[in-house]
Amino acid sequence: MRRALAAPALIILGMLASTAASANPQPWQLNMTRGATETSAQVHDIHMIMFWICVVIGVVVFGVMFVAMFRFRKSRGAVAATWSHSTKLEAAWTIIPILILIGSAWPATALLLRMADTSDSEMTIKVTGYQWKWRYEYVDYFGKQPGINFVSSLETQSNRTRQLDSGLDPAAIKVDGVSTYLLDVDKPLVLPAGVKVRFVVTADDVIHAWWVPSLGWKQDAIPGIINSAWTQVDQPGVYRGQCAELCGRDHGFMPIVVKVLPKAEFEQWMTDQAPAPAVEATAITLAPTTAPQG
């Protein structure tokens, strides 16, 4: 019996380990990802606590219900019980849920307040949603203005393959052996590791939503409104997301890719991307010409 139970247990543990090994969501993953930031890990932990509380409540409620159904069933003609209620039970199933809700709301509210606090950010990125692409502007980096901005769109191979008459195989689009069909872009958003980054998010046309699951939050991009959020990714890597608000015909074709580099590599990348300084025009002095004497 123990051996029969050991094999499924090992399979389940292996699945959990493989999922935990990557911050990005995995194929056939049912649970939310733990993510790549402290915030996303805290969101995951609160989610799991609430999940197991709900499991326990469900087991108790359905257990009591089935016991009552089978143990206290009576045949036709039985005399009904004369008691009407139990004050102690009613007090218990009123007080216990209240305590559970308070205990759940306390850490959840604290986390929401922390997620909304963009103060002390060391870098600011402006994100603008368009149909169907994203514009990134590097507004500030430790008090300096990098002057970097670019548009990020679905990469060419996925864009070509998604056409109905392309005849191309979506499964052939891979990066490092992982399928990236409709999940890769021509220009990723590049961030430094270990730096608190503030995002200001808006849109130019319709409502979009900037969402990278590994960061632990989603922010609506609304025309005429500036929303803000922040993240700090300590582990270098590539993290993928998508627009999470139905925004028109090609809503499913505007992915997000965040590439996190070690700080030194990021600063080198930023130097390489910075616009070249304008070349000052050199004054050309023409020698005065003298009219020929005749």
C-alpha atoms as a PDB file:
ATOM      1  CA  MET A   1       0.000   0.000   0.000  1.00  0.00           C
ATOM      2  CA  ARG A   2       2.801   2.397   0.910  1.00  0.00           C
ATOM      3  CA  ARG A   3       4.610   1.704  -2.367  1.00  0.00           C
ATOM      4  CA  ALA A   4       1.404   2.267  -4.300  1.00  0.00           C
ATOM      5  CA  LEU A   5       1.009   5.685  -2.672  1.00  0.00           C
ATOM      6  CA  ALA A   6       4.688   6.611  -2.982  1.00  0.00           C
ATOM      7  CA  ALA A   7       4.757   6.777  -6.794  1.00  0.00           C
ATOM      8  CA  PRO A   8       1.899   9.308  -7.187  1.00  0.00           C
ATOM      9  CA  ALA A   9       3.341  11.361  -4.326  1.00  0.00           C
ATOM     10  CA  LEU A  10       6.738  11.541  -6.048  1.00  0.00           C
ATOM     11  CA  ILE A  11       5.090  12.548  -9.327  1.00  0.00           C
ATOM     12  CA  ILE A  12       3.164  15.352  -7.610  1.00  0.00           C
ATOM     13  CA  LEU A  13       6.283  16.567  -5.781  1.00  0.00           C
ATOM     14  CA  GLY A  14       8.212  16.535  -9.061  1.00  0.00           C
ATOM     15  CA  MET A  15       5.527  18.619 -10.751  1.00  0.00           C
ATOM     16  CA  LEU A  16       5.575  21.123  -7.897  1.00  0.00           C
ATOM     17  CA  ALA A  17       9.375  21.304  -7.986  1.00  0.00           C
ATOM     18  CA  SER A  18       9.488  21.866 -11.746  1.00  0.00           C
ATOM     19  CA  THR A  19       6.877  24.617 -11.445  1.00  0.00           C
ATOM     20  CA  ALA A  20       8.754  26.299  -8.605  1.00  0.00           C
ATOM     21  CA  ALA A  21      11.990  26.179 -10.609  1.00  0.00           C
ATOM     22  CA  SER A  22      10.717  28.871 -12.977  1.00  0.00           C
ATOM     23  CA  ALA A  23       9.054  32.155 -12.127  1.00  0.00           C
ATOM     24  CA  ASN A  24       7.118  32.139 -15.400  1.00  0.00           C
ATOM     25  CA  PRO A  25       3.831  30.216 -15.684  1.00  0.00           C
ATOM     26  CA  GLN A  26       4.271  26.692 -17.050  1.00  0.00           C
ATOM     27  CA  PRO A  27       2.168  24.685 -19.550  1.00  0.00           C
ATOM     28  CA  TRP A  28      -0.822  23.046 -17.830  1.00  0.00           C
ATOM     29  CA  GLN A  29      -0.085  24.919 -14.609  1.00  0.00           C
ATOM     30  CA  LEU A  30      -3.265  25.123 -12.530  1.00  0.00           C
ATOM     31  CA  ASN A  31      -2.095  27.238  -9.615  1.00  0.00           C
ATOM     32  CA  MET A  32      -0.843  30.829  -9.735  1.00  0.00           C
ATOM     33  CA  THR A  33       2.905  31.329 -10.062  1.00  0.00           C
ATOM     34  CA  ARG A  34       5.036  32.305  -7.079  1.00  0.00           C
ATOM     35  CA  GLY A  35       6.688  34.879  -9.318  1.00  0.00           C
ATOM     36  CA  ALA A  36      10.036  36.623  -9.266  1.00  0.00           C
ATOM     37  CA  THR A  37       9.490  39.407  -6.735  1.00  0.00           C
ATOM     38  CA  GLU A  38       8.913  39.645  -3.002  1.00  0.00           C
ATOM     39  CA  THR A  39       5.462  41.081  -3.702  1.00  0.00           C
ATOM     40  CA  SER A  40       4.433  38.213  -5.977  1.00  0.00           C
ATOM     41  CA  ALA A  41       5.659  35.691  -3.386  1.00  0.00           C
ATOM     42  CA  GLN A  42       3.547  37.364  -0.683  1.00  0.00           C
ATOM     43  CA  VAL A  43       0.501  37.373  -2.985  1.00  0.00           C
ATOM     44  CA  HIS A  44       1.070  33.664  -3.629  1.00  0.00           C
ATOM     45  CA  ASP A  45       1.420  32.901   0.092  1.00  0.00           C
ATOM     46  CA  ILE A  46      -1.821  34.708   0.982  1.00  0.00           C
ATOM     47  CA  HIS A  47      -3.554  32.916  -1.886  1.00  0.00           C
ATOM     48  CA  MET A  48      -2.371  29.518  -0.620  1.00  0.00           C
ATOM     49  CA  ILE A  49      -3.419  30.274   2.975  1.00  0.00           C
ATOM     50  CA  MET A  50      -6.907  31.235   1.775  1.00  0.00           C
ATOM     51  CA  PHE A  51      -7.019  28.173  -0.482  1.00  0.00           C
ATOM     52  CA  TRP A  52      -6.336  25.755   2.381  1.00  0.00           C
ATOM     53  CA  ILE A  53      -8.767  27.582   4.674  1.00  0.00           C
ATOM     54  CA  CYS A  54     -11.442  27.123   1.996  1.00  0.00           C
ATOM     55  CA  VAL A  55     -10.496  23.446   1.619  1.00  0.00           C
ATOM     56  CA  VAL A  56     -10.880  22.866   5.371  1.00  0.00           C
ATOM     57  CA  ILE A  57     -14.213  24.725   5.444  1.00  0.00           C
ATOM     58  CA  GLY A  58     -15.445  22.727   2.455  1.00  0.00           C
ATOM     59  CA  VAL A  59     -14.447  19.398   4.008  1.00  0.00           C
ATOM     60  CA  VAL A  60     -16.137  20.275   7.325  1.00  0.00           C
ATOM     61  CA  VAL A  61     -19.347  21.602   5.730  1.00  0.00           C
ATOM     62  CA  PHE A  62     -19.779  18.733   3.280  1.00  0.00           C
ATOM     63  CA  GLY A  63     -18.742  16.214   5.943  1.00  0.00           C
ATOM     64  CA  VAL A  64     -21.402  17.444   8.374  1.00  0.00           C
ATOM     65  CA  MET A  65     -23.947  17.564   5.558  1.00  0.00           C
ATOM     66  CA  PHE A  66     -23.353  13.952   4.472  1.00  0.00           C
ATOM     67  CA  VAL A  67     -23.331  12.701   8.082  1.00  0.00           C
ATOM     68  CA  ALA A  68     -26.665  14.442   8.682  1.00  0.00           C
ATOM     69  CA  MET A  69     -28.110  13.077   5.434  1.00  0.00           C
ATOM     70  CA  PHE A  70     -27.308   9.434   6.219  1.00  0.00           C
ATOM     71  CA  ARG A  71     -27.311   9.261  10.000  1.00  0.00           C
ATOM     72  CA  PHE A  72     -30.478  11.200  10.676  1.00  0.00           C
ATOM     73  CA  ARG A  73     -32.630  10.160   7.729  1.00  0.00           C
ATOM     74  CA  LYS A  74     -36.055   8.990   8.822  1.00  0.00           C
ATOM     75  CA  SER A  75     -38.754   6.904   7.212  1.00  0.00           C
ATOM     76  CA  ARG A  76     -42.210   8.181   6.384  1.00  0.00           C
ATOM     77  CA  GLY A  77     -44.358   8.687   9.459  1.00  0.00           C
ATOM     78  CA  ALA A  78     -41.472   9.417  11.855  1.00  0.00           C
ATOM     79  CA  VAL A  79     -42.095  11.963  14.585  1.00  0.00           C
ATOM     80  CA  ALA A  80     -40.219  15.209  13.913  1.00  0.00           C
ATOM     81  CA  ALA A  81     -37.784  16.590  16.474  1.00  0.00           C
ATOM     82  CA  THR A  82     -39.152  19.268  18.761  1.00  0.00           C
ATOM     83  CA  TRP A  83     -36.015  21.382  19.229  1.00  0.00           C
ATOM     84  CA  SER A  84     -35.619  24.436  16.993  1.00  0.00           C
ATOM     85  CA  HIS A  85     -32.006  25.615  17.200  1.00  0.00           C
ATOM     86  CA  SER A  86     -28.732  25.648  19.114  1.00  0.00           C
ATOM     87  CA  THR A  87     -27.573  29.046  20.321  1.00  0.00           C
ATOM     88  CA  LYS A  88     -24.012  27.797  20.846  1.00  0.00           C
ATOM     89  CA  LEU A  89     -23.733  26.423  17.292  1.00  0.00           C
ATOM     90  CA  GLU A  90     -25.195  29.581  15.761  1.00  0.00           C
ATOM     91  CA  ALA A  91     -22.769  31.726  17.758  1.00  0.00           C
ATOM     92  CA  ALA A  92     -19.863  29.509  16.673  1.00  0.00           C
ATOM     93  CA  TRP A  93     -20.642  29.589  12.955  1.00  0.00           C
ATOM     94  CA  THR A  94     -21.083  33.364  13.146  1.00  0.00           C
ATOM     95  CA  ILE A  95     -17.977  34.216  15.185  1.00  0.00           C
ATOM     96  CA  ILE A  96     -15.558  31.798  13.474  1.00  0.00           C
ATOM     97  CA  PRO A  97     -16.161  33.167   9.916  1.00  0.00           C
ATOM     98  CA  ILE A  98     -15.797  36.727  11.237  1.00  0.00           C
ATOM     99  CA  LEU A  99     -12.424  35.843  12.785  1.00  0.00           C
ATOM    100  CA  ILE A 100     -11.330  34.134   9.552  1.00  0.00           C
ATOM    101  CA  LEU A 101     -12.274  37.210   7.493  1.00  0.00           C
ATOM    102  CA  ILE A 102     -10.476  39.592   9.853  1.00  0.00           C
ATOM    103  CA  GLY A 103      -7.406  37.354   9.918  1.00  0.00           C
ATOM    104  CA  SER A 104      -7.398  37.236   6.106  1.00  0.00           C
ATOM    105  CA  ALA A 105      -8.109  40.920   5.533  1.00  0.00           C
ATOM    106  CA  TRP A 106      -5.301  42.147   7.797  1.00  0.00           C
ATOM    107  CA  PRO A 107      -2.297  40.831   5.787  1.00  0.00           C
ATOM    108  CA  ALA A 108      -4.118  41.334   2.467  1.00  0.00           C
ATOM    109  CA  THR A 109      -4.774  45.020   3.216  1.00  0.00           C
ATOM    110  CA  ALA A 110      -1.188  45.540   4.378  1.00  0.00           C
ATOM    111  CA  LEU A 111       0.058  43.996   1.123  1.00  0.00           C
ATOM    112  CA  LEU A 112      -2.264  46.154  -0.998  1.00  0.00           C
ATOM    113  CA  LEU A 113      -0.974  49.296   0.726  1.00  0.00           C
ATOM    114  CA  ARG A 114       2.609  48.176   0.157  1.00  0.00           C
ATOM    115  CA  MET A 115       1.917  47.456  -3.521  1.00  0.00           C
ATOM    116  CA  ALA A 116       0.504  50.970  -3.957  1.00  0.00           C
ATOM    117  CA  ASP A 117       3.531  52.676  -2.373  1.00  0.00           C
ATOM    118  CA  THR A 118       5.760  53.835  -5.238  1.00  0.00           C
ATOM    119  CA  SER A 119       7.860  56.163  -3.059  1.00  0.00           C
ATOM    120  CA  ASP A 120      11.650  55.812  -2.937  1.00  0.00           C
ATOM    121  CA  SER A 121      11.726  54.459  -6.489  1.00  0.00           C
ATOM    122  CA  GLU A 122      15.136  54.603  -8.148  1.00  0.00           C
ATOM    123  CA  MET A 123      13.864  54.371 -11.709  1.00  0.00           C
ATOM    124  CA  THR A 124      10.714  55.415 -13.601  1.00  0.00           C
ATOM    125  CA  ILE A 125       9.301  53.806 -16.740  1.00  0.00           C
ATOM    126  CA  LYS A 126       6.329  55.197 -18.657  1.00  0.00           C
ATOM    127  CA  VAL A 127       4.224  52.497 -20.332  1.00  0.00           C
ATOM    128  CA  THR A 128       1.725  53.482 -23.027  1.00  0.00           C
ATOM    129  CA  GLY A 129      -0.654  50.985 -24.604  1.00  0.00           C
ATOM    130  CA  TYR A 130      -1.579  51.195 -28.278  1.00  0.00           C
ATOM    131  CA  GLN A 131      -3.551  48.969 -30.598  1.00  0.00           C
ATOM    132  CA  TRP A 132      -1.634  46.605 -30.575  1.00  0.00           C
ATOM    133  CA  LYS A 133       1.775  47.350 -29.114  1.00  0.00           C
ATOM    134  CA  TRP A 134       3.477  49.006 -26.146  1.00  0.00           C
ATOM    135  CA  ARG A 135       5.671  52.085 -25.919  1.00  0.00           C
ATOM    136  CA  TYR A 136       8.301  52.250 -23.168  1.00  0.00           C
ATOM    137  CA  GLU A 137       9.922  55.522 -22.109  1.00  0.00           C
ATOM    138  CA  TYR A 138      12.805  55.533 -19.623  1.00  0.00           C
ATOM    139  CA  VAL A 139      11.903  58.691 -17.720  1.00  0.00           C
ATOM    140  CA  ASP A 140      14.357  58.576 -14.826  1.00  0.00           C
ATOM    141  CA  TYR A 141      17.255  56.455 -13.561  1.00  0.00           C
ATOM    142  CA  PHE A 142      18.818  57.574 -10.265  1.00  0.00           C
ATOM    143  CA  GLY A 143      17.979  61.197 -11.051  1.00  0.00           C
ATOM    144  CA  LYS A 144      19.208  61.101 -14.657  1.00  0.00           C
ATOM    145  CA  GLN A 145      17.103  61.196 -17.811  1.00  0.00           C
ATOM    146  CA  PRO A 146      18.250  58.349 -20.086  1.00  0.00           C
ATOM    147  CA  GLY A 147      16.256  59.615 -23.073  1.00  0.00           C
ATOM    148  CA  ILE A 148      15.486  56.058 -24.206  1.00  0.00           C
ATOM    149  CA  ASN A 149      12.103  55.189 -25.676  1.00  0.00           C
ATOM    150  CA  PHE A 150      10.909  52.574 -28.136  1.00  0.00           C
ATOM    151  CA  VAL A 151       7.873  50.607 -29.298  1.00  0.00           C
ATOM    152  CA  SER A 152       7.597  46.901 -28.479  1.00  0.00           C
ATOM    153  CA  SER A 153       5.511  44.718 -30.822  1.00  0.00           C
ATOM    154  CA  LEU A 154       4.886  41.047 -31.534  1.00  0.00           C
ATOM    155  CA  GLU A 155       8.048  39.587 -33.065  1.00  0.00           C
ATOM    156  CA  THR A 156       8.071  38.926 -36.822  1.00  0.00           C
ATOM    157  CA  GLN A 157       8.054  35.107 -36.809  1.00  0.00           C
ATOM    158  CA  SER A 158       4.965  34.855 -34.591  1.00  0.00           C
ATOM    159  CA  ASN A 159       3.252  37.612 -36.551  1.00  0.00           C
ATOM    160  CA  ARG A 160       3.886  35.754 -39.807  1.00  0.00           C
ATOM    161  CA  THR A 161       2.838  32.369 -38.391  1.00  0.00           C
ATOM    162  CA  ARG A 162      -0.451  33.626 -36.943  1.00  0.00           C
ATOM    163  CA  GLN A 163      -1.784  34.444 -40.415  1.00  0.00           C
ATOM    164  CA  LEU A 164      -4.389  31.822 -41.402  1.00  0.00           C
ATOM    165  CA  ASP A 165      -2.788  31.090 -44.769  1.00  0.00           C
ATOM    166  CA  SER A 166       0.837  31.045 -43.560  1.00  0.00           C
ATOM    167  CA  GLY A 167       1.175  27.255 -43.413  1.00  0.00           C
ATOM    168  CA  LEU A 168       3.805  27.686 -40.677  1.00  0.00           C
ATOM    169  CA  ASP A 169       3.973  25.598 -37.496  1.00  0.00           C
ATOM    170  CA  PRO A 170       3.497  27.589 -34.247  1.00  0.00           C
ATOM    171  CA  ALA A 171       5.242  24.815 -32.280  1.00  0.00           C
ATOM    172  CA  ALA A 172       8.449  25.536 -34.196  1.00  0.00           C
ATOM    173  CA  ILE A 173       8.801  28.963 -32.571  1.00  0.00           C
ATOM    174  CA  LYS A 174      11.004  28.399 -29.525  1.00  0.00           C
ATOM    175  CA  VAL A 175      13.601  30.206 -27.431  1.00  0.00           C
ATOM    176  CA  ASP A 176      15.983  27.962 -25.476  1.00  0.00           C
ATOM    177  CA  GLY A 177      13.673  25.015 -26.119  1.00  0.00           C
ATOM    178  CA  VAL A 178      10.579  26.786 -24.738  1.00  0.00           C
ATOM    179  CA  SER A 179       7.635  27.661 -26.980  1.00  0.00           C
ATOM    180  CA  THR A 180       7.293  31.430 -27.368  1.00  0.00           C
ATOM    181  CA  TYR A 181       4.586  31.583 -30.027  1.00  0.00           C
ATOM    182  CA  LEU A 182       2.700  34.880 -29.487  1.00  0.00           C
ATOM    183  CA  LEU A 183       4.789  35.451 -26.332  1.00  0.00           C
ATOM    184  CA  ASP A 184       7.876  37.156 -27.769  1.00  0.00           C
ATOM    185  CA  VAL A 185       8.511  40.708 -28.936  1.00  0.00           C
ATOM    186  CA  ASP A 186      10.942  42.513 -31.189  1.00  0.00           C
ATOM    187  CA  LYS A 187      12.167  44.795 -28.369  1.00  0.00           C
ATOM    188  CA  PRO A 188      11.807  43.720 -24.715  1.00  0.00           C
ATOM    189  CA  LEU A 189      11.590  46.080 -21.766  1.00  0.00           C
ATOM    190  CA  VAL A 190      15.010  45.895 -20.088  1.00  0.00           C
ATOM    191  CA  LEU A 191      15.293  46.473 -16.329  1.00  0.00           C
ATOM    192  CA  PRO A 192      18.116  46.307 -13.772  1.00  0.00           C
ATOM    193  CA  ALA A 193      18.071  43.653 -11.055  1.00  0.00           C
ATOM    194  CA  GLY A 194      17.721  44.797  -7.447  1.00  0.00           C
ATOM    195  CA  VAL A 195      16.351  48.262  -8.312  1.00  0.00           C
ATOM    196  CA  LYS A 196      12.909  49.563  -7.318  1.00  0.00           C
ATOM    197  CA  VAL A 197      11.223  50.568 -10.582  1.00  0.00           C
ATOM    198  CA  ARG A 198       8.149  52.797 -10.707  1.00  0.00           C
ATOM    199  CA  PHE A 199       5.763  52.363 -13.638  1.00  0.00           C
ATOM    200  CA  VAL A 200       3.393  55.050 -14.851  1.00  0.00           C
ATOM    201  CA  VAL A 201       0.845  53.385 -17.108  1.00  0.00           C
ATOM    202  CA  THR A 202      -1.568  54.932 -19.600  1.00  0.00           C
ATOM    203  CA  ALA A 203      -2.998  54.333 -23.077  1.00  0.00           C
ATOM    204  CA  ASP A 204      -3.308  56.276 -26.295  1.00  0.00           C
ATOM    205  CA  ASP A 205      -6.504  54.828 -27.798  1.00  0.00           C
ATOM    206  CA  VAL A 206      -8.561  52.254 -25.856  1.00  0.00           C
ATOM    207  CA  ILE A 207      -8.256  50.541 -22.465  1.00  0.00           C
ATOM    208  CA  HIS A 208      -5.410  48.030 -22.193  1.00  0.00           C
ATOM    209  CA  ALA A 209      -3.873  46.274 -19.172  1.00  0.00           C
ATOM    210  CA  TRP A 210      -0.145  45.704 -18.615  1.00  0.00           C
ATOM    211  CA  TRP A 211       0.286  42.294 -16.960  1.00  0.00           C
ATOM    212  CA  VAL A 212       3.343  40.178 -16.238  1.00  0.00           C
ATOM    213  CA  PRO A 213       2.314  37.347 -13.850  1.00  0.00           C
ATOM    214  CA  SER A 214       5.817  36.948 -12.421  1.00  0.00           C
ATOM    215  CA  LEU A 215       5.758  40.539 -11.117  1.00  0.00           C
ATOM    216  CA  GLY A 216       2.630  39.876  -9.063  1.00  0.00           C
ATOM    217  CA  TRP A 217       0.399  42.709 -10.290  1.00  0.00           C
ATOM    218  CA  LYS A 218      -1.625  43.986 -13.250  1.00  0.00           C
ATOM    219  CA  GLN A 219      -2.250  47.643 -14.051  1.00  0.00           C
ATOM    220  CA  ASP A 220      -4.954  49.064 -16.317  1.00  0.00           C
ATOM    221  CA  ALA A 221      -3.817  51.403 -19.085  1.00  0.00           C
ATOM    222  CA  ILE A 222      -6.613  53.943 -19.590  1.00  0.00           C
ATOM    223  CA  PRO A 223      -6.567  56.895 -22.031  1.00  0.00           C
ATOM    224  CA  GLY A 224      -6.311  60.198 -20.175  1.00  0.00           C
ATOM    225  CA  ILE A 225      -5.500  58.554 -16.829  1.00  0.00           C
ATOM    226  CA  ILE A 226      -2.096  57.826 -15.280  1.00  0.00           C
ATOM    227  CA  ASN A 227      -1.954  54.728 -13.076  1.00  0.00           C
ATOM    228  CA  SER A 228       1.152  53.751 -11.159  1.00  0.00           C
ATOM    229  CA  ALA A 229       2.744  50.575  -9.833  1.00  0.00           C
ATOM    230  CA  TRP A 230       6.214  49.347  -8.933  1.00  0.00           C
ATOM    231  CA  THR A 231       8.385  46.278  -8.949  1.00  0.00           C
ATOM    232  CA  GLN A 232      11.804  45.122  -7.828  1.00  0.00           C
ATOM    233  CA  VAL A 233      13.136  41.961  -9.452  1.00  0.00           C
ATOM    234  CA  ASP A 234      16.238  40.626  -7.740  1.00  0.00           C
ATOM    235  CA  GLN A 235      16.803  37.634 -10.035  1.00  0.00           C
ATOM    236  CA  PRO A 236      17.986  38.313 -13.622  1.00  0.00           C
ATOM    237  CA  GLY A 237      15.913  36.545 -16.248  1.00  0.00           C
ATOM    238  CA  VAL A 238      13.208  36.899 -18.885  1.00  0.00           C
ATOM    239  CA  TYR A 239       9.606  37.306 -17.735  1.00  0.00           C
ATOM    240  CA  ARG A 240       6.650  37.228 -20.113  1.00  0.00           C
ATOM    241  CA  GLY A 241       3.147  38.645 -20.006  1.00  0.00           C
ATOM    242  CA  GLN A 242       0.300  39.891 -22.166  1.00  0.00           C
ATOM    243  CA  CYS A 243      -2.324  42.585 -22.459  1.00  0.00           C
ATOM    244  CA  ALA A 244      -5.073  41.558 -20.027  1.00  0.00           C
ATOM    245  CA  GLU A 245      -7.901  43.802 -21.250  1.00  0.00           C
ATOM    246  CA  LEU A 246      -9.917  43.055 -24.377  1.00  0.00           C
ATOM    247  CA  CYS A 247      -8.811  45.922 -26.611  1.00  0.00           C
ATOM    248  CA  GLY A 248      -9.880  45.028 -30.121  1.00  0.00           C
ATOM    249  CA  ARG A 249      -9.157  42.722 -33.025  1.00  0.00           C
ATOM    250  CA  ASP A 250      -5.511  41.937 -32.238  1.00  0.00           C
ATOM    251  CA  HIS A 251      -5.784  41.940 -28.441  1.00  0.00           C
ATOM    252  CA  GLY A 252      -4.204  38.475 -28.297  1.00  0.00           C
ATOM    253  CA  PHE A 253      -1.156  39.628 -30.249  1.00  0.00           C
ATOM    254  CA  MET A 254       0.404  42.254 -27.974  1.00  0.00           C
ATOM    255  CA  PRO A 255       2.686  40.315 -25.604  1.00  0.00           C
ATOM    256  CA  ILE A 256       5.019  41.789 -22.993  1.00  0.00           C
ATOM    257  CA  VAL A 257       8.596  40.697 -22.369  1.00  0.00           C
ATOM    258  CA  VAL A 258      10.633  42.008 -19.434  1.00  0.00           C
ATOM    259  CA  LYS A 259      14.344  41.247 -19.529  1.00  0.00           C
ATOM    260  CA  VAL A 260      16.104  41.766 -16.189  1.00  0.00           C
ATOM    261  CA  LEU A 261      19.882  42.210 -16.300  1.00  0.00           C
ATOM    262  CA  PRO A 262      22.497  42.577 -13.561  1.00  0.00           C
ATOM    263  CA  LYS A 263      22.903  46.256 -12.769  1.00  0.00           C
ATOM    264  CA  ALA A 264      26.301  46.630 -14.480  1.00  0.00           C
ATOM    265  CA  GLU A 265      25.026  44.956 -17.670  1.00  0.00           C
ATOM    266  CA  PHE A 266      21.903  47.101 -17.635  1.00  0.00           C
ATOM    267  CA  GLU A 267      23.910  50.304 -17.373  1.00  0.00           C
ATOM    268  CA  GLN A 268      26.061  49.169 -20.298  1.00  0.00           C
ATOM    269  CA  TRP A 269      22.893  48.399 -22.279  1.00  0.00           C
ATOM    270  CA  MET A 270      21.535  51.835 -21.393  1.00  0.00           C
ATOM    271  CA  THR A 271      24.760  53.461 -22.603  1.00  0.00           C
ATOM    272  CA  ASP A 272      24.506  51.549 -25.884  1.00  0.00           C
ATOM    273  CA  GLN A 273      20.860  52.555 -26.356  1.00  0.00           C
ATOM    274  CA  ALA A 274      21.206  56.217 -25.449  1.00  0.00           C
ATOM    275  CA  PRO A 275      20.661  58.568 -28.369  1.00  0.00           C
ATOM    276  CA  ALA A 276      23.859  59.931 -29.875  1.00  0.00           C
ATOM    277  CA  PRO A 277      24.593  63.553 -28.970  1.00  0.00           C
ATOM    278  CA  ALA A 278      23.746  66.040 -31.651  1.00  0.00           C
ATOM    279  CA  VAL A 279      26.741  67.009 -33.746  1.00  0.00           C
ATOM    280  CA  GLU A 280      27.286  70.717 -33.612  1.00  0.00           C
ATOM    281  CA  ALA A 281      27.436  72.325 -36.994  1.00  0.00           C
ATOM    282  CA  THR A 282      30.899  73.606 -37.836  1.00  0.00           C
ATOM    283  CA  ALA A 283      30.973  77.156 -39.054  1.00  0.00           C
ATOM    284  CA  ILE A 284      32.453  77.349 -42.489  1.00  0.00           C
ATOM    285  CA  THR A 285      34.186  80.620 -43.236  1.00  0.00           C
ATOM    286  CA  LEU A 286      34.339  81.479 -46.860  1.00  0.00           C
ATOM    287  CA  ALA A 287      37.180  83.699 -47.975  1.00  0.00           C
ATOM    288  CA  PRO A 288      35.928  86.941 -49.517  1.00  0.00           C
ATOM    289  CA  THR A 289      36.209  86.953 -53.232  1.00  0.00           C
ATOM    290  CA  THR A 290      37.541  90.001 -54.989  1.00  0.00           C
ATOM    291  CA  ALA A 291      36.181  91.088 -58.280  1.00  0.00           C
ATOM    292  CA  PRO A 292      38.818  90.926 -61.014  1.00  0.00           C
ATOM    293  CA  GLN A 293      40.343  94.242 -61.960  1.00  0.00           C
ATOM    294  CA  GLY A 294      39.947  95.056 -65.615  1.00  0.00           C
END
